C-alpha atoms as a PDB file:
ATOM      1  CA  MET A   1       4.704 -30.204 -10.645  1.00  0.00           C
ATOM      2  CA  PRO A   2       2.194 -27.042 -11.383  1.00  0.00           C
ATOM      3  CA  VAL A   3       3.698 -23.673 -11.451  1.00  0.00           C
ATOM      4  CA  THR A   4       2.919 -21.251  -9.166  1.00  0.00           C
ATOM      5  CA  THR A   5       3.341 -17.709  -9.955  1.00  0.00           C
ATOM      6  CA  VAL A   6       3.213 -14.531  -7.573  1.00  0.00           C
ATOM      7  CA  ASN A   7       1.680 -11.297  -8.165  1.00  0.00           C
ATOM      8  CA  PRO A   8       4.020  -8.681  -7.130  1.00  0.00           C
ATOM      9  CA  ASN A   9       0.525  -6.286  -6.717  1.00  0.00           C
ATOM     10  CA  VAL A  10      -1.394  -8.317  -4.700  1.00  0.00           C
ATOM     11  CA  VAL A  11      -0.661  -7.167  -1.104  1.00  0.00           C
ATOM     12  CA  THR A  12      -1.849  -7.939   2.113  1.00  0.00           C
ATOM     13  CA  THR A  13      -2.593  -5.194   4.458  1.00  0.00           C
ATOM     14  CA  THR A  14      -1.736  -5.080   8.036  1.00  0.00           C
ATOM     15  CA  CYS A  15      -5.539  -5.700   8.973  1.00  0.00           C
ATOM     16  CA  GLY A  16      -5.327  -8.767   6.917  1.00  0.00           C
ATOM     17  CA  ARG A  17      -7.019  -7.501   3.650  1.00  0.00           C
ATOM     18  CA  GLN A  18      -5.654  -8.566   0.513  1.00  0.00           C
ATOM     19  CA  LEU A  19      -5.775  -6.088  -2.318  1.00  0.00           C
ATOM     20  CA  ASP A  20      -4.531  -5.526  -6.093  1.00  0.00           C
ATOM     21  CA  LEU A  21      -2.823  -2.330  -6.327  1.00  0.00           C
ATOM     22  CA  SER A  22      -2.714  -2.161  -9.955  1.00  0.00           C
ATOM     23  CA  THR A  23      -6.812  -1.612  -9.949  1.00  0.00           C
ATOM     24  CA  THR A  24      -5.693   1.601  -7.882  1.00  0.00           C
ATOM     25  CA  THR A  25      -5.204   5.018  -8.496  1.00  0.00           C
ATOM     26  CA  LEU A  26      -1.467   6.529  -7.546  1.00  0.00           C
ATOM     27  CA  VAL A  27      -2.519   9.455  -5.154  1.00  0.00           C
ATOM     28  CA  MET A  28       1.241  10.477  -4.204  1.00  0.00           C
ATOM     29  CA  GLU A  29       4.558   9.093  -4.433  1.00  0.00           C
ATOM     30  CA  ARG A  30       7.655   9.840  -2.323  1.00  0.00           C
ATOM     31  CA  SER A  31      11.307   8.182  -2.007  1.00  0.00           C
ATOM     32  CA  ASN A  32      14.450   8.417  -0.952  1.00  0.00           C
ATOM     33  CA  SER A  33      17.457   6.210  -0.587  1.00  0.00           C
ATOM     34  CA  LEU A  34      16.181   3.991   2.196  1.00  0.00           C
ATOM     35  CA  PHE A  35      12.325   3.636   1.311  1.00  0.00           C
ATOM     36  CA  SER A  36       9.599   4.730  -0.671  1.00  0.00           C
ATOM     37  CA  TYR A  37       6.288   5.834   0.533  1.00  0.00           C
ATOM     38  CA  ASN A  38       3.116   5.746  -1.574  1.00  0.00           C
ATOM     39  CA  ILE A  39      -0.342   6.354  -1.368  1.00  0.00           C
ATOM     40  CA  HIS A  40      -3.141   4.642  -3.679  1.00  0.00           C
ATOM     41  CA  LYS A  41      -7.022   5.234  -3.734  1.00  0.00           C
ATOM     42  CA  LEU A  42      -8.769   2.234  -4.033  1.00  0.00           C
ATOM     43  CA  GLU A  43     -12.058   2.054  -6.223  1.00  0.00           C
ATOM     44  CA  THR A  44     -13.802   1.923  -2.729  1.00  0.00           C
ATOM     45  CA  GLY A  45     -12.793   4.926  -1.798  1.00  0.00           C
ATOM     46  CA  GLU A  46     -10.613   4.009   0.786  1.00  0.00           C
ATOM     47  CA  TYR A  47      -6.917   4.537   0.769  1.00  0.00           C
ATOM     48  CA  VAL A  48      -3.551   2.364   1.184  1.00  0.00           C
ATOM     49  CA  ILE A  49      -0.409   3.501   2.273  1.00  0.00           C
ATOM     50  CA  VAL A  50       2.577   1.741   1.062  1.00  0.00           C
ATOM     51  CA  GLU A  51       5.844   1.615   2.721  1.00  0.00           C
ATOM     52  CA  LYS A  52       8.456  -0.427   0.818  1.00  0.00           C
ATOM     53  CA  PHE A  53      11.909  -0.521   2.482  1.00  0.00           C
ATOM     54  CA  TYR A  54      14.829  -0.949   0.042  1.00  0.00           C
ATOM     55  CA  ALA A  55      17.187  -2.513   2.371  1.00  0.00           C
ATOM     56  CA  ASN A  56      14.382  -5.382   3.849  1.00  0.00           C
ATOM     57  CA  PRO A  57      11.704  -5.780   2.060  1.00  0.00           C
ATOM     58  CA  PHE A  58      10.073  -8.239   5.038  1.00  0.00           C
ATOM     59  CA  ASN A  59       9.324  -4.913   6.535  1.00  0.00           C
ATOM     60  CA  ASN A  60       7.155  -3.480   3.896  1.00  0.00           C
ATOM     61  CA  ARG A  61       3.816  -2.483   5.343  1.00  0.00           C
ATOM     62  CA  TYR A  62       0.408  -1.791   3.618  1.00  0.00           C
ATOM     63  CA  ILE A  63      -1.699   0.482   5.481  1.00  0.00           C
ATOM     64  CA  LEU A  64      -5.493   0.614   4.970  1.00  0.00           C
ATOM     65  CA  LEU A  65      -7.299   3.754   5.827  1.00  0.00           C
ATOM     66  CA  ASN A  66     -10.866   4.907   5.151  1.00  0.00           C
ATOM     67  CA  ASP A  67     -11.777   8.656   4.136  1.00  0.00           C
ATOM     68  CA  GLU A  68     -12.769   9.423   7.807  1.00  0.00           C
ATOM     69  CA  GLN A  69      -8.772   8.422   8.746  1.00  0.00           C
ATOM     70  CA  ILE A  70      -7.214  10.136   6.435  1.00  0.00           C
ATOM     71  CA  GLU A  71      -9.117  13.651   7.632  1.00  0.00           C
ATOM     72  CA  LEU A  72      -7.792  13.001  10.668  1.00  0.00           C
ATOM     73  CA  LEU A  73      -4.110  12.609   9.647  1.00  0.00           C
ATOM     74  CA  LYS A  74      -4.709  15.942   7.680  1.00  0.00           C
ATOM     75  CA  ASN A  75      -5.329  17.446  11.236  1.00  0.00           C
ATOM     76  CA  LEU A  76      -2.467  16.163  13.059  1.00  0.00           C
END
């Protein structure tokens, strides 16, 4: 029987793109007792917002944003 390994650094974003977080640069890291909120920069210049919920990991989200979208968020 073949052994299947799962790489916890490979995630699927909300738009369906698979990314390896181990090849990104951590830009910001925040957490509390309920969840963590991190922003990673990809080599392509895009950003990934990583929301991890400790109580229910099935609700984790990986949101891919480009520079233009990040600039829009800064102005909200």
